[in-house]
Amino acid sequence: MQHIIDYWHLYLMAAFYGFAGIQHFRKPWFFLKITPPWVPKPETVNVIVGVAEVAIAIGLVIPATRSIAAWGTIALLIAVFPANWYHHQKARKKGKMVIGTLIRLPIQLLLIWWAWAYT
């Protein structure tokens, strides 16, 4: 039974990153609006992140590439953390509800822990 649960979590994580990666192409405006101004060529970076997330999703379900994909997940989460922090700061400056943007920050730590389980 534990084996089935482990695979369920793995496929859930792969689906999460696959969906997120596809969203970079379907709704690039969402990601571009939270991209910090210091990021060069934000449209290109958005595409790179989308491709990386789709590649991670595929890599997670292939046993031979699972560990590499998990390490890639951790690296990607660390790399996009500044954008999530920027999004939180931007929301605060506009006086918008910031709880969602604030919650996202520790969730990234949970996502790193989740990926670590497959390294």
PDB file of N, CA and C in Angstrom:
ATOM      1  N   MET A   1       0.824  -1.198   0.000  1.00  0.00           N
ATOM      2  CA  MET A   1       0.000   0.000   0.000  1.00  0.00           C
ATOM      3  C   MET A   1       0.867   1.260   0.000  1.00  0.00           C
ATOM      4  N   GLN A   2       1.934   1.268   0.804  1.00  0.00           N
ATOM      5  CA  GLN A   2       2.826   2.429   0.868  1.00  0.00           C
ATOM      6  C   GLN A   2       3.400   2.742  -0.510  1.00  0.00           C
ATOM      7  N   HIS A   3       3.727   1.706  -1.263  1.00  0.00           N
ATOM      8  CA  HIS A   3       4.285   1.879  -2.609  1.00  0.00           C
ATOM      9  C   HIS A   3       3.311   2.646  -3.507  1.00  0.00           C
ATOM     10  N   ILE A   4       2.035   2.317  -3.417  1.00  0.00           N
ATOM     11  CA  ILE A   4       1.006   2.990  -4.222  1.00  0.00           C
ATOM     12  C   ILE A   4       0.900   4.456  -3.815  1.00  0.00           C
ATOM     13  N   ILE A   5       0.946   4.727  -2.516  1.00  0.00           N
ATOM     14  CA  ILE A   5       0.862   6.103  -2.031  1.00  0.00           C
ATOM     15  C   ILE A   5       2.057   6.914  -2.524  1.00  0.00           C
ATOM     16  N   ASP A   6       3.252   6.317  -2.464  1.00  0.00           N
ATOM     17  CA  ASP A   6       4.445   7.010  -2.941  1.00  0.00           C
ATOM     18  C   ASP A   6       4.313   7.387  -4.413  1.00  0.00           C
ATOM     19  N   TYR A   7       3.823   6.471  -5.234  1.00  0.00           N
ATOM     20  CA  TYR A   7       3.656   6.779  -6.651  1.00  0.00           C
ATOM     21  C   TYR A   7       2.557   7.799  -6.875  1.00  0.00           C
ATOM     22  N   TRP A   8       1.514   7.756  -6.068  1.00  0.00           N
ATOM     23  CA  TRP A   8       0.450   8.744  -6.178  1.00  0.00           C
ATOM     24  C   TRP A   8       1.009  10.136  -5.942  1.00  0.00           C
ATOM     25  N   HIS A   9       1.851  10.279  -4.916  1.00  0.00           N
ATOM     26  CA  HIS A   9       2.474  11.574  -4.628  1.00  0.00           C
ATOM     27  C   HIS A   9       3.387  12.007  -5.760  1.00  0.00           C
ATOM     28  N   LEU A  10       4.122  11.058  -6.290  1.00  0.00           N
ATOM     29  CA  LEU A  10       5.040  11.363  -7.391  1.00  0.00           C
ATOM     30  C   LEU A  10       4.271  11.868  -8.619  1.00  0.00           C
ATOM     31  N   TYR A  11       3.223  11.160  -8.982  1.00  0.00           N
ATOM     32  CA  TYR A  11       2.447  11.566 -10.164  1.00  0.00           C
ATOM     33  C   TYR A  11       1.692  12.869  -9.920  1.00  0.00           C
ATOM     34  N   LEU A  12       1.300  13.109  -8.690  1.00  0.00           N
ATOM     35  CA  LEU A  12       0.675  14.387  -8.356  1.00  0.00           C
ATOM     36  C   LEU A  12       1.681  15.525  -8.548  1.00  0.00           C
ATOM     37  N   MET A  13       2.899  15.307  -8.074  1.00  0.00           N
ATOM     38  CA  MET A  13       3.927  16.333  -8.242  1.00  0.00           C
ATOM     39  C   MET A  13       4.224  16.555  -9.722  1.00  0.00           C
ATOM     40  N   ALA A  14       4.338  15.480 -10.478  1.00  0.00           N
ATOM     41  CA  ALA A  14       4.601  15.615 -11.914  1.00  0.00           C
ATOM     42  C   ALA A  14       3.461  16.378 -12.594  1.00  0.00           C
ATOM     43  N   ALA A  15       2.236  16.074 -12.238  1.00  0.00           N
ATOM     44  CA  ALA A  15       1.087  16.772 -12.829  1.00  0.00           C
ATOM     45  C   ALA A  15       1.105  18.256 -12.466  1.00  0.00           C
ATOM     46  N   PHE A  16       1.469  18.551 -11.226  1.00  0.00           N
ATOM     47  CA  PHE A  16       1.556  19.932 -10.762  1.00  0.00           C
ATOM     48  C   PHE A  16       2.542  20.734 -11.622  1.00  0.00           C
ATOM     49  N   TYR A  17       3.739  20.181 -11.829  1.00  0.00           N
ATOM     50  CA  TYR A  17       4.737  20.901 -12.614  1.00  0.00           C
ATOM     51  C   TYR A  17       4.394  20.918 -14.103  1.00  0.00           C
ATOM     52  N   GLY A  18       3.795  19.853 -14.592  1.00  0.00           N
ATOM     53  CA  GLY A  18       3.358  19.845 -15.988  1.00  0.00           C
ATOM     54  C   GLY A  18       2.312  20.913 -16.241  1.00  0.00           C
ATOM     55  N   PHE A  19       1.329  21.004 -15.346  1.00  0.00           N
ATOM     56  CA  PHE A  19       0.289  22.021 -15.465  1.00  0.00           C
ATOM     57  C   PHE A  19       0.892  23.421 -15.382  1.00  0.00           C
ATOM     58  N   ALA A  20       1.754  23.632 -14.390  1.00  0.00           N
ATOM     59  CA  ALA A  20       2.381  24.952 -14.230  1.00  0.00           C
ATOM     60  C   ALA A  20       3.188  25.321 -15.468  1.00  0.00           C
ATOM     61  N   GLY A  21       3.933  24.357 -16.000  1.00  0.00           N
ATOM     62  CA  GLY A  21       4.739  24.630 -17.193  1.00  0.00           C
ATOM     63  C   GLY A  21       3.885  25.026 -18.384  1.00  0.00           C
ATOM     64  N   ILE A  22       2.799  24.326 -18.587  1.00  0.00           N
ATOM     65  CA  ILE A  22       1.894  24.642 -19.704  1.00  0.00           C
ATOM     66  C   ILE A  22       1.273  26.025 -19.527  1.00  0.00           C
ATOM     67  N   GLN A  23       0.993  26.383 -18.274  1.00  0.00           N
ATOM     68  CA  GLN A  23       0.406  27.705 -18.013  1.00  0.00           C
ATOM     69  C   GLN A  23       1.343  28.835 -18.450  1.00  0.00           C
ATOM     70  N   HIS A  24       2.640  28.603 -18.431  1.00  0.00           N
ATOM     71  CA  HIS A  24       3.586  29.629 -18.888  1.00  0.00           C
ATOM     72  C   HIS A  24       3.362  29.983 -20.358  1.00  0.00           C
ATOM     73  N   PHE A  25       2.802  29.049 -21.116  1.00  0.00           N
ATOM     74  CA  PHE A  25       2.519  29.289 -22.531  1.00  0.00           C
ATOM     75  C   PHE A  25       1.082  29.744 -22.754  1.00  0.00           C
ATOM     76  N   ARG A  26       0.173  29.261 -21.932  1.00  0.00           N
ATOM     77  CA  ARG A  26      -1.235  29.627 -22.077  1.00  0.00           C
ATOM     78  C   ARG A  26      -1.538  31.014 -21.530  1.00  0.00           C
ATOM     79  N   LYS A  27      -0.881  31.367 -20.405  1.00  0.00           N
ATOM     80  CA  LYS A  27      -1.150  32.646 -19.742  1.00  0.00           C
ATOM     81  C   LYS A  27       0.162  33.333 -19.367  1.00  0.00           C
ATOM     82  N   PRO A  28       0.970  33.661 -20.357  1.00  0.00           N
ATOM     83  CA  PRO A  28       2.269  34.254 -20.034  1.00  0.00           C
ATOM     84  C   PRO A  28       2.142  35.570 -19.276  1.00  0.00           C
ATOM     85  N   TRP A  29       1.079  36.318 -19.508  1.00  0.00           N
ATOM     86  CA  TRP A  29       0.882  37.606 -18.828  1.00  0.00           C
ATOM     87  C   TRP A  29       0.877  37.442 -17.316  1.00  0.00           C
ATOM     88  N   PHE A  30       0.334  36.313 -16.819  1.00  0.00           N
ATOM     89  CA  PHE A  30       0.296  36.094 -15.375  1.00  0.00           C
ATOM     90  C   PHE A  30       1.707  36.043 -14.794  1.00  0.00           C
ATOM     91  N   PHE A  31       2.592  35.334 -15.472  1.00  0.00           N
ATOM     92  CA  PHE A  31       3.960  35.174 -14.986  1.00  0.00           C
ATOM     93  C   PHE A  31       4.797  36.421 -15.257  1.00  0.00           C
ATOM     94  N   LEU A  32       4.525  37.084 -16.367  1.00  0.00           N
ATOM     95  CA  LEU A  32       5.294  38.289 -16.700  1.00  0.00           C
ATOM     96  C   LEU A  32       5.010  39.420 -15.715  1.00  0.00           C
ATOM     97  N   LYS A  33       3.792  39.484 -15.193  1.00  0.00           N
ATOM     98  CA  LYS A  33       3.472  40.570 -14.265  1.00  0.00           C
ATOM     99  C   LYS A  33       4.135  40.386 -12.906  1.00  0.00           C
ATOM    100  N   ILE A  34       4.567  39.180 -12.581  1.00  0.00           N
ATOM    101  CA  ILE A  34       5.248  38.968 -11.306  1.00  0.00           C
ATOM    102  C   ILE A  34       6.759  38.814 -11.476  1.00  0.00           C
ATOM    103  N   THR A  35       7.225  38.977 -12.702  1.00  0.00           N
ATOM    104  CA  THR A  35       8.660  38.893 -12.958  1.00  0.00           C
ATOM    105  C   THR A  35       9.316  40.199 -12.514  1.00  0.00           C
ATOM    106  N   PRO A  36      10.346  40.103 -11.682  1.00  0.00           N
ATOM    107  CA  PRO A  36      11.022  41.325 -11.227  1.00  0.00           C
ATOM    108  C   PRO A  36      11.604  42.109 -12.408  1.00  0.00           C
ATOM    109  N   PRO A  37      11.662  43.428 -12.308  1.00  0.00           N
ATOM    110  CA  PRO A  37      12.147  44.249 -13.412  1.00  0.00           C
ATOM    111  C   PRO A  37      13.624  44.012 -13.739  1.00  0.00           C
ATOM    112  N   TRP A  38      14.372  43.458 -12.816  1.00  0.00           N
ATOM    113  CA  TRP A  38      15.796  43.227 -13.067  1.00  0.00           C
ATOM    114  C   TRP A  38      16.055  41.942 -13.869  1.00  0.00           C
ATOM    115  N   VAL A  39      15.010  41.144 -14.138  1.00  0.00           N
ATOM    116  CA  VAL A  39      15.184  39.924 -14.932  1.00  0.00           C
ATOM    117  C   VAL A  39      15.316  40.312 -16.400  1.00  0.00           C
ATOM    118  N   PRO A  40      16.443  39.939 -17.042  1.00  0.00           N
ATOM    119  CA  PRO A  40      16.611  40.284 -18.454  1.00  0.00           C
ATOM    120  C   PRO A  40      15.707  39.419 -19.342  1.00  0.00           C
ATOM    121  N   LYS A  41      15.171  40.013 -20.382  1.00  0.00           N
ATOM    122  CA  LYS A  41      14.325  39.310 -21.354  1.00  0.00           C
ATOM    123  C   LYS A  41      13.258  38.440 -20.678  1.00  0.00           C
ATOM    124  N   PRO A  42      12.326  39.067 -19.981  1.00  0.00           N
ATOM    125  CA  PRO A  42      11.335  38.308 -19.212  1.00  0.00           C
ATOM    126  C   PRO A  42      10.513  37.319 -20.049  1.00  0.00           C
ATOM    127  N   GLU A  43      10.213  37.662 -21.285  1.00  0.00           N
ATOM    128  CA  GLU A  43       9.446  36.737 -22.133  1.00  0.00           C
ATOM    129  C   GLU A  43      10.239  35.454 -22.382  1.00  0.00           C
ATOM    130  N   THR A  44      11.527  35.602 -22.624  1.00  0.00           N
ATOM    131  CA  THR A  44      12.387  34.440 -22.849  1.00  0.00           C
ATOM    132  C   THR A  44      12.523  33.617 -21.572  1.00  0.00           C
ATOM    133  N   VAL A  45      12.694  34.295 -20.454  1.00  0.00           N
ATOM    134  CA  VAL A  45      12.801  33.593 -19.168  1.00  0.00           C
ATOM    135  C   VAL A  45      11.509  32.838 -18.879  1.00  0.00           C
ATOM    136  N   ASN A  46      10.367  33.425 -19.181  1.00  0.00           N
ATOM    137  CA  ASN A  46       9.085  32.755 -18.984  1.00  0.00           C
ATOM    138  C   ASN A  46       9.021  31.463 -19.790  1.00  0.00           C
ATOM    139  N   VAL A  47       9.456  31.505 -21.026  1.00  0.00           N
ATOM    140  CA  VAL A  47       9.459  30.304 -21.868  1.00  0.00           C
ATOM    141  C   VAL A  47      10.419  29.259 -21.295  1.00  0.00           C
ATOM    142  N   ILE A  48      11.592  29.686 -20.876  1.00  0.00           N
ATOM    143  CA  ILE A  48      12.580  28.761 -20.309  1.00  0.00           C
ATOM    144  C   ILE A  48      12.015  28.072 -19.068  1.00  0.00           C
ATOM    145  N   VAL A  49      11.376  28.843 -18.199  1.00  0.00           N
ATOM    146  CA  VAL A  49      10.799  28.263 -16.980  1.00  0.00           C
ATOM    147  C   VAL A  49       9.676  27.291 -17.345  1.00  0.00           C
ATOM    148  N   GLY A  50       8.847  27.663 -18.311  1.00  0.00           N
ATOM    149  CA  GLY A  50       7.769  26.764 -18.747  1.00  0.00           C
ATOM    150  C   GLY A  50       8.302  25.458 -19.298  1.00  0.00           C
ATOM    151  N   VAL A  51       9.323  25.542 -20.139  1.00  0.00           N
ATOM    152  CA  VAL A  51       9.944  24.332 -20.698  1.00  0.00           C
ATOM    153  C   VAL A  51      10.567  23.501 -19.574  1.00  0.00           C
ATOM    154  N   ALA A  52      11.235  24.176 -18.639  1.00  0.00           N
ATOM    155  CA  ALA A  52      11.865  23.466 -17.518  1.00  0.00           C
ATOM    156  C   ALA A  52      10.823  22.725 -16.691  1.00  0.00           C
ATOM    157  N   GLU A  53       9.693  23.353 -16.427  1.00  0.00           N
ATOM    158  CA  GLU A  53       8.665  22.703 -15.614  1.00  0.00           C
ATOM    159  C   GLU A  53       8.052  21.504 -16.338  1.00  0.00           C
ATOM    160  N   VAL A  54       7.843  21.617 -17.629  1.00  0.00           N
ATOM    161  CA  VAL A  54       7.330  20.476 -18.394  1.00  0.00           C
ATOM    162  C   VAL A  54       8.373  19.350 -18.417  1.00  0.00           C
ATOM    163  N   ALA A  55       9.642  19.703 -18.611  1.00  0.00           N
ATOM    164  CA  ALA A  55      10.707  18.701 -18.600  1.00  0.00           C
ATOM    165  C   ALA A  55      10.810  18.020 -17.237  1.00  0.00           C
ATOM    166  N   ILE A  56      10.657  18.788 -16.176  1.00  0.00           N
ATOM    167  CA  ILE A  56      10.665  18.226 -14.816  1.00  0.00           C
ATOM    168  C   ILE A  56       9.529  17.229 -14.668  1.00  0.00           C
ATOM    169  N   ALA A  57       8.347  17.600 -15.115  1.00  0.00           N
ATOM    170  CA  ALA A  57       7.186  16.711 -15.001  1.00  0.00           C
ATOM    171  C   ALA A  57       7.450  15.385 -15.712  1.00  0.00           C
ATOM    172  N   ILE A  58       7.983  15.463 -16.906  1.00  0.00           N
ATOM    173  CA  ILE A  58       8.284  14.243 -17.666  1.00  0.00           C
ATOM    174  C   ILE A  58       9.393  13.457 -16.969  1.00  0.00           C
ATOM    175  N   GLY A  59      10.437  14.164 -16.545  1.00  0.00           N
ATOM    176  CA  GLY A  59      11.562  13.507 -15.893  1.00  0.00           C
ATOM    177  C   GLY A  59      11.186  12.813 -14.600  1.00  0.00           C
ATOM    178  N   LEU A  60      10.215  13.347 -13.874  1.00  0.00           N
ATOM    179  CA  LEU A  60       9.811  12.735 -12.609  1.00  0.00           C
ATOM    180  C   LEU A  60       9.161  11.369 -12.797  1.00  0.00           C
ATOM    181  N   VAL A  61       8.470  11.177 -13.893  1.00  0.00           N
ATOM    182  CA  VAL A  61       7.761   9.900 -14.090  1.00  0.00           C
ATOM    183  C   VAL A  61       8.637   8.828 -14.734  1.00  0.00           C
ATOM    184  N   ILE A  62       9.814   9.195 -15.181  1.00  0.00           N
ATOM    185  CA  ILE A  62      10.740   8.226 -15.766  1.00  0.00           C
ATOM    186  C   ILE A  62      11.757   7.853 -14.688  1.00  0.00           C
ATOM    187  N   PRO A  63      11.760   6.606 -14.255  1.00  0.00           N
ATOM    188  CA  PRO A  63      12.655   6.219 -13.160  1.00  0.00           C
ATOM    189  C   PRO A  63      14.124   6.589 -13.372  1.00  0.00           C
ATOM    190  N   ALA A  64      14.612   6.467 -14.581  1.00  0.00           N
ATOM    191  CA  ALA A  64      16.029   6.749 -14.850  1.00  0.00           C
ATOM    192  C   ALA A  64      16.379   8.226 -14.704  1.00  0.00           C
ATOM    193  N   THR A  65      15.400   9.119 -14.823  1.00  0.00           N
ATOM    194  CA  THR A  65      15.665  10.557 -14.747  1.00  0.00           C
ATOM    195  C   THR A  65      15.033  11.212 -13.521  1.00  0.00           C
ATOM    196  N   ARG A  66      14.394  10.419 -12.691  1.00  0.00           N
ATOM    197  CA  ARG A  66      13.643  10.958 -11.546  1.00  0.00           C
ATOM    198  C   ARG A  66      14.518  11.797 -10.610  1.00  0.00           C
ATOM    199  N   SER A  67      15.675  11.286 -10.255  1.00  0.00           N
ATOM    200  CA  SER A  67      16.537  12.010  -9.322  1.00  0.00           C
ATOM    201  C   SER A  67      17.011  13.333  -9.927  1.00  0.00           C
ATOM    202  N   ILE A  68      17.403  13.314 -11.189  1.00  0.00           N
ATOM    203  CA  ILE A  68      17.841  14.544 -11.855  1.00  0.00           C
ATOM    204  C   ILE A  68      16.686  15.545 -11.914  1.00  0.00           C
ATOM    205  N   ALA A  69      15.494  15.062 -12.227  1.00  0.00           N
ATOM    206  CA  ALA A  69      14.325  15.945 -12.291  1.00  0.00           C
ATOM    207  C   ALA A  69      14.008  16.525 -10.912  1.00  0.00           C
ATOM    208  N   ALA A  70      14.175  15.719  -9.870  1.00  0.00           N
ATOM    209  CA  ALA A  70      13.924  16.219  -8.514  1.00  0.00           C
ATOM    210  C   ALA A  70      14.936  17.308  -8.153  1.00  0.00           C
ATOM    211  N   TRP A  71      16.208  17.087  -8.490  1.00  0.00           N
ATOM    212  CA  TRP A  71      17.220  18.135  -8.251  1.00  0.00           C
ATOM    213  C   TRP A  71      16.910  19.378  -9.076  1.00  0.00           C
ATOM    214  N   GLY A  72      16.447  19.173 -10.315  1.00  0.00           N
ATOM    215  CA  GLY A  72      16.048  20.306 -11.154  1.00  0.00           C
ATOM    216  C   GLY A  72      14.891  21.072 -10.554  1.00  0.00           C
ATOM    217  N   THR A  73      13.973  20.356  -9.930  1.00  0.00           N
ATOM    218  CA  THR A  73      12.843  20.996  -9.251  1.00  0.00           C
ATOM    219  C   THR A  73      13.335  21.893  -8.126  1.00  0.00           C
ATOM    220  N   ILE A  74      14.247  21.357  -7.336  1.00  0.00           N
ATOM    221  CA  ILE A  74      14.797  22.137  -6.217  1.00  0.00           C
ATOM    222  C   ILE A  74      15.505  23.382  -6.740  1.00  0.00           C
ATOM    223  N   ALA A  75      16.308  23.221  -7.775  1.00  0.00           N
ATOM    224  CA  ALA A  75      17.025  24.369  -8.351  1.00  0.00           C
ATOM    225  C   ALA A  75      16.046  25.404  -8.900  1.00  0.00           C
ATOM    226  N   LEU A  76      15.024  24.944  -9.580  1.00  0.00           N
ATOM    227  CA  LEU A  76      14.033  25.865 -10.151  1.00  0.00           C
ATOM    228  C   LEU A  76      13.291  26.619  -9.055  1.00  0.00           C
ATOM    229  N   LEU A  77      12.894  25.919  -7.994  1.00  0.00           N
ATOM    230  CA  LEU A  77      12.188  26.584  -6.901  1.00  0.00           C
ATOM    231  C   LEU A  77      13.054  27.648  -6.237  1.00  0.00           C
ATOM    232  N   ILE A  78      14.328  27.362  -6.095  1.00  0.00           N
ATOM    233  CA  ILE A  78      15.244  28.369  -5.540  1.00  0.00           C
ATOM    234  C   ILE A  78      15.381  29.544  -6.503  1.00  0.00           C
ATOM    235  N   ALA A  79      15.455  29.247  -7.796  1.00  0.00           N
ATOM    236  CA  ALA A  79      15.634  30.302  -8.802  1.00  0.00           C
ATOM    237  C   ALA A  79      14.422  31.226  -8.897  1.00  0.00           C
ATOM    238  N   VAL A  80      13.212  30.695  -8.725  1.00  0.00           N
ATOM    239  CA  VAL A  80      12.017  31.543  -8.865  1.00  0.00           C
ATOM    240  C   VAL A  80      11.586  32.186  -7.548  1.00  0.00           C
ATOM    241  N   PHE A  81      12.246  31.843  -6.457  1.00  0.00           N
ATOM    242  CA  PHE A  81      11.888  32.435  -5.168  1.00  0.00           C
ATOM    243  C   PHE A  81      11.920  33.965  -5.205  1.00  0.00           C
ATOM    244  N   PRO A  82      12.951  34.591  -5.810  1.00  0.00           N
ATOM    245  CA  PRO A  82      12.948  36.062  -5.870  1.00  0.00           C
ATOM    246  C   PRO A  82      11.718  36.641  -6.584  1.00  0.00           C
ATOM    247  N   ALA A  83      11.217  35.944  -7.594  1.00  0.00           N
ATOM    248  CA  ALA A  83      10.018  36.435  -8.284  1.00  0.00           C
ATOM    249  C   ALA A  83       8.810  36.374  -7.359  1.00  0.00           C
ATOM    250  N   ASN A  84       8.721  35.324  -6.564  1.00  0.00           N
ATOM    251  CA  ASN A  84       7.603  35.232  -5.619  1.00  0.00           C
ATOM    252  C   ASN A  84       7.719  36.277  -4.519  1.00  0.00           C
ATOM    253  N   TRP A  85       8.930  36.536  -4.073  1.00  0.00           N
ATOM    254  CA  TRP A  85       9.143  37.598  -3.084  1.00  0.00           C
ATOM    255  C   TRP A  85       8.779  38.950  -3.696  1.00  0.00           C
ATOM    256  N   TYR A  86       9.202  39.185  -4.928  1.00  0.00           N
ATOM    257  CA  TYR A  86       8.872  40.425  -5.635  1.00  0.00           C
ATOM    258  C   TYR A  86       7.356  40.578  -5.756  1.00  0.00           C
ATOM    259  N   HIS A  87       6.673  39.494  -6.098  1.00  0.00           N
ATOM    260  CA  HIS A  87       5.219  39.529  -6.232  1.00  0.00           C
ATOM    261  C   HIS A  87       4.575  39.928  -4.897  1.00  0.00           C
ATOM    262  N   HIS A  88       5.069  39.385  -3.807  1.00  0.00           N
ATOM    263  CA  HIS A  88       4.563  39.743  -2.474  1.00  0.00           C
ATOM    264  C   HIS A  88       4.808  41.230  -2.183  1.00  0.00           C
ATOM    265  N   GLN A  89       6.022  41.704  -2.454  1.00  0.00           N
ATOM    266  CA  GLN A  89       6.351  43.112  -2.197  1.00  0.00           C
ATOM    267  C   GLN A  89       5.492  44.041  -3.056  1.00  0.00           C
ATOM    268  N   LYS A  90       5.297  43.656  -4.291  1.00  0.00           N
ATOM    269  CA  LYS A  90       4.494  44.462  -5.210  1.00  0.00           C
ATOM    270  C   LYS A  90       3.044  44.561  -4.708  1.00  0.00           C
ATOM    271  N   ALA A  91       2.503  43.439  -4.236  1.00  0.00           N
ATOM    272  CA  ALA A  91       1.133  43.438  -3.699  1.00  0.00           C
ATOM    273  C   ALA A  91       1.038  44.317  -2.458  1.00  0.00           C
ATOM    274  N   ARG A  92       2.029  44.256  -1.596  1.00  0.00           N
ATOM    275  CA  ARG A  92       2.037  45.094  -0.390  1.00  0.00           C
ATOM    276  C   ARG A  92       2.047  46.577  -0.739  1.00  0.00           C
ATOM    277  N   LYS A  93       2.877  46.951  -1.708  1.00  0.00           N
ATOM    278  CA  LYS A  93       2.963  48.361  -2.100  1.00  0.00           C
ATOM    279  C   LYS A  93       1.648  48.871  -2.667  1.00  0.00           C
ATOM    280  N   LYS A  94       0.911  47.988  -3.332  1.00  0.00           N
ATOM    281  CA  LYS A  94      -0.375  48.381  -3.902  1.00  0.00           C
ATOM    282  C   LYS A  94      -1.504  48.313  -2.882  1.00  0.00           C
ATOM    283  N   GLY A  95      -1.182  47.858  -1.669  1.00  0.00           N
ATOM    284  CA  GLY A  95      -2.192  47.752  -0.631  1.00  0.00           C
ATOM    285  C   GLY A  95      -3.183  46.626  -0.868  1.00  0.00           C
ATOM    286  N   LYS A  96      -2.777  45.639  -1.648  1.00  0.00           N
ATOM    287  CA  LYS A  96      -3.651  44.507  -1.945  1.00  0.00           C
ATOM    288  C   LYS A  96      -3.525  43.448  -0.858  1.00  0.00           C
ATOM    289  N   MET A  97      -4.461  42.527  -0.891  1.00  0.00           N
ATOM    290  CA  MET A  97      -4.436  41.391   0.030  1.00  0.00           C
ATOM    291  C   MET A  97      -3.152  40.604  -0.221  1.00  0.00           C
ATOM    292  N   VAL A  98      -2.319  40.490   0.789  1.00  0.00           N
ATOM    293  CA  VAL A  98      -1.002  39.874   0.599  1.00  0.00           C
ATOM    294  C   VAL A  98      -0.895  38.470   1.188  1.00  0.00           C
ATOM    295  N   ILE A  99      -1.954  37.991   1.827  1.00  0.00           N
ATOM    296  CA  ILE A  99      -1.854  36.688   2.479  1.00  0.00           C
ATOM    297  C   ILE A  99      -1.521  35.582   1.472  1.00  0.00           C
ATOM    298  N   GLY A 100      -2.109  35.617   0.298  1.00  0.00           N
ATOM    299  CA  GLY A 100      -1.826  34.610  -0.727  1.00  0.00           C
ATOM    300  C   GLY A 100      -0.388  34.662  -1.203  1.00  0.00           C
ATOM    301  N   THR A 101       0.120  35.864  -1.397  1.00  0.00           N
ATOM    302  CA  THR A 101       1.507  35.981  -1.845  1.00  0.00           C
ATOM    303  C   THR A 101       2.483  35.646  -0.731  1.00  0.00           C
ATOM    304  N   LEU A 102       2.080  35.880   0.510  1.00  0.00           N
ATOM    305  CA  LEU A 102       2.932  35.560   1.648  1.00  0.00           C
ATOM    306  C   LEU A 102       2.962  34.052   1.915  1.00  0.00           C
ATOM    307  N   ILE A 103       1.834  33.397   1.780  1.00  0.00           N
ATOM    308  CA  ILE A 103       1.749  31.952   2.000  1.00  0.00           C
ATOM    309  C   ILE A 103       2.582  31.200   0.962  1.00  0.00           C
ATOM    310  N   ARG A 104       2.662  31.745  -0.237  1.00  0.00           N
ATOM    311  CA  ARG A 104       3.414  31.087  -1.302  1.00  0.00           C
ATOM    312  C   ARG A 104       4.886  30.873  -0.920  1.00  0.00           C
ATOM    313  N   LEU A 105       5.446  31.763  -0.129  1.00  0.00           N
ATOM    314  CA  LEU A 105       6.875  31.684   0.208  1.00  0.00           C
ATOM    315  C   LEU A 105       7.210  30.431   1.027  1.00  0.00           C
ATOM    316  N   PRO A 106       6.535  30.166   2.152  1.00  0.00           N
ATOM    317  CA  PRO A 106       6.854  28.915   2.862  1.00  0.00           C
ATOM    318  C   PRO A 106       6.397  27.663   2.114  1.00  0.00           C
ATOM    319  N   ILE A 107       5.390  27.809   1.252  1.00  0.00           N
ATOM    320  CA  ILE A 107       4.965  26.655   0.452  1.00  0.00           C
ATOM    321  C   ILE A 107       6.116  26.191  -0.439  1.00  0.00           C
ATOM    322  N   GLN A 108       6.932  27.129  -0.901  1.00  0.00           N
ATOM    323  CA  GLN A 108       8.081  26.735  -1.716  1.00  0.00           C
ATOM    324  C   GLN A 108       9.025  25.838  -0.926  1.00  0.00           C
ATOM    325  N   LEU A 109       9.162  26.082   0.374  1.00  0.00           N
ATOM    326  CA  LEU A 109       9.987  25.199   1.199  1.00  0.00           C
ATOM    327  C   LEU A 109       9.388  23.793   1.257  1.00  0.00           C
ATOM    328  N   LEU A 110       8.069  23.702   1.356  1.00  0.00           N
ATOM    329  CA  LEU A 110       7.411  22.398   1.339  1.00  0.00           C
ATOM    330  C   LEU A 110       7.604  21.699  -0.004  1.00  0.00           C
ATOM    331  N   LEU A 111       7.545  22.469  -1.085  1.00  0.00           N
ATOM    332  CA  LEU A 111       7.754  21.890  -2.409  1.00  0.00           C
ATOM    333  C   LEU A 111       9.192  21.398  -2.580  1.00  0.00           C
ATOM    334  N   ILE A 112      10.137  22.114  -2.000  1.00  0.00           N
ATOM    335  CA  ILE A 112      11.544  21.672  -2.024  1.00  0.00           C
ATOM    336  C   ILE A 112      11.677  20.361  -1.249  1.00  0.00           C
ATOM    337  N   TRP A 113      11.048  20.293  -0.077  1.00  0.00           N
ATOM    338  CA  TRP A 113      11.088  19.075   0.723  1.00  0.00           C
ATOM    339  C   TRP A 113      10.474  17.923  -0.048  1.00  0.00           C
ATOM    340  N   TRP A 114       9.359  18.174  -0.729  1.00  0.00           N
ATOM    341  CA  TRP A 114       8.666  17.151  -1.518  1.00  0.00           C
ATOM    342  C   TRP A 114       9.588  16.633  -2.617  1.00  0.00           C
ATOM    343  N   ALA A 115      10.238  17.528  -3.323  1.00  0.00           N
ATOM    344  CA  ALA A 115      11.157  17.114  -4.387  1.00  0.00           C
ATOM    345  C   ALA A 115      12.353  16.354  -3.806  1.00  0.00           C
ATOM    346  N   TRP A 116      12.823  16.790  -2.654  1.00  0.00           N
ATOM    347  CA  TRP A 116      13.976  16.148  -2.009  1.00  0.00           C
ATOM    348  C   TRP A 116      13.716  14.650  -1.782  1.00  0.00           C
ATOM    349  N   ALA A 117      12.470  14.302  -1.534  1.00  0.00           N
ATOM    350  CA  ALA A 117      12.106  12.903  -1.295  1.00  0.00           C
ATOM    351  C   ALA A 117      12.406  12.020  -2.501  1.00  0.00           C
ATOM    352  N   TYR A 118      12.525  12.616  -3.681  1.00  0.00           N
ATOM    353  CA  TYR A 118      12.758  11.834  -4.900  1.00  0.00           C
ATOM    354  C   TYR A 118      14.185  11.992  -5.439  1.00  0.00           C
ATOM    355  N   THR A 119      15.054  12.629  -4.651  1.00  0.00           N
ATOM    356  CA  THR A 119      16.456  12.718  -5.076  1.00  0.00           C
ATOM    357  C   THR A 119      17.145  11.420  -4.737  1.00  0.00           C
TER     358      THR A 119
END
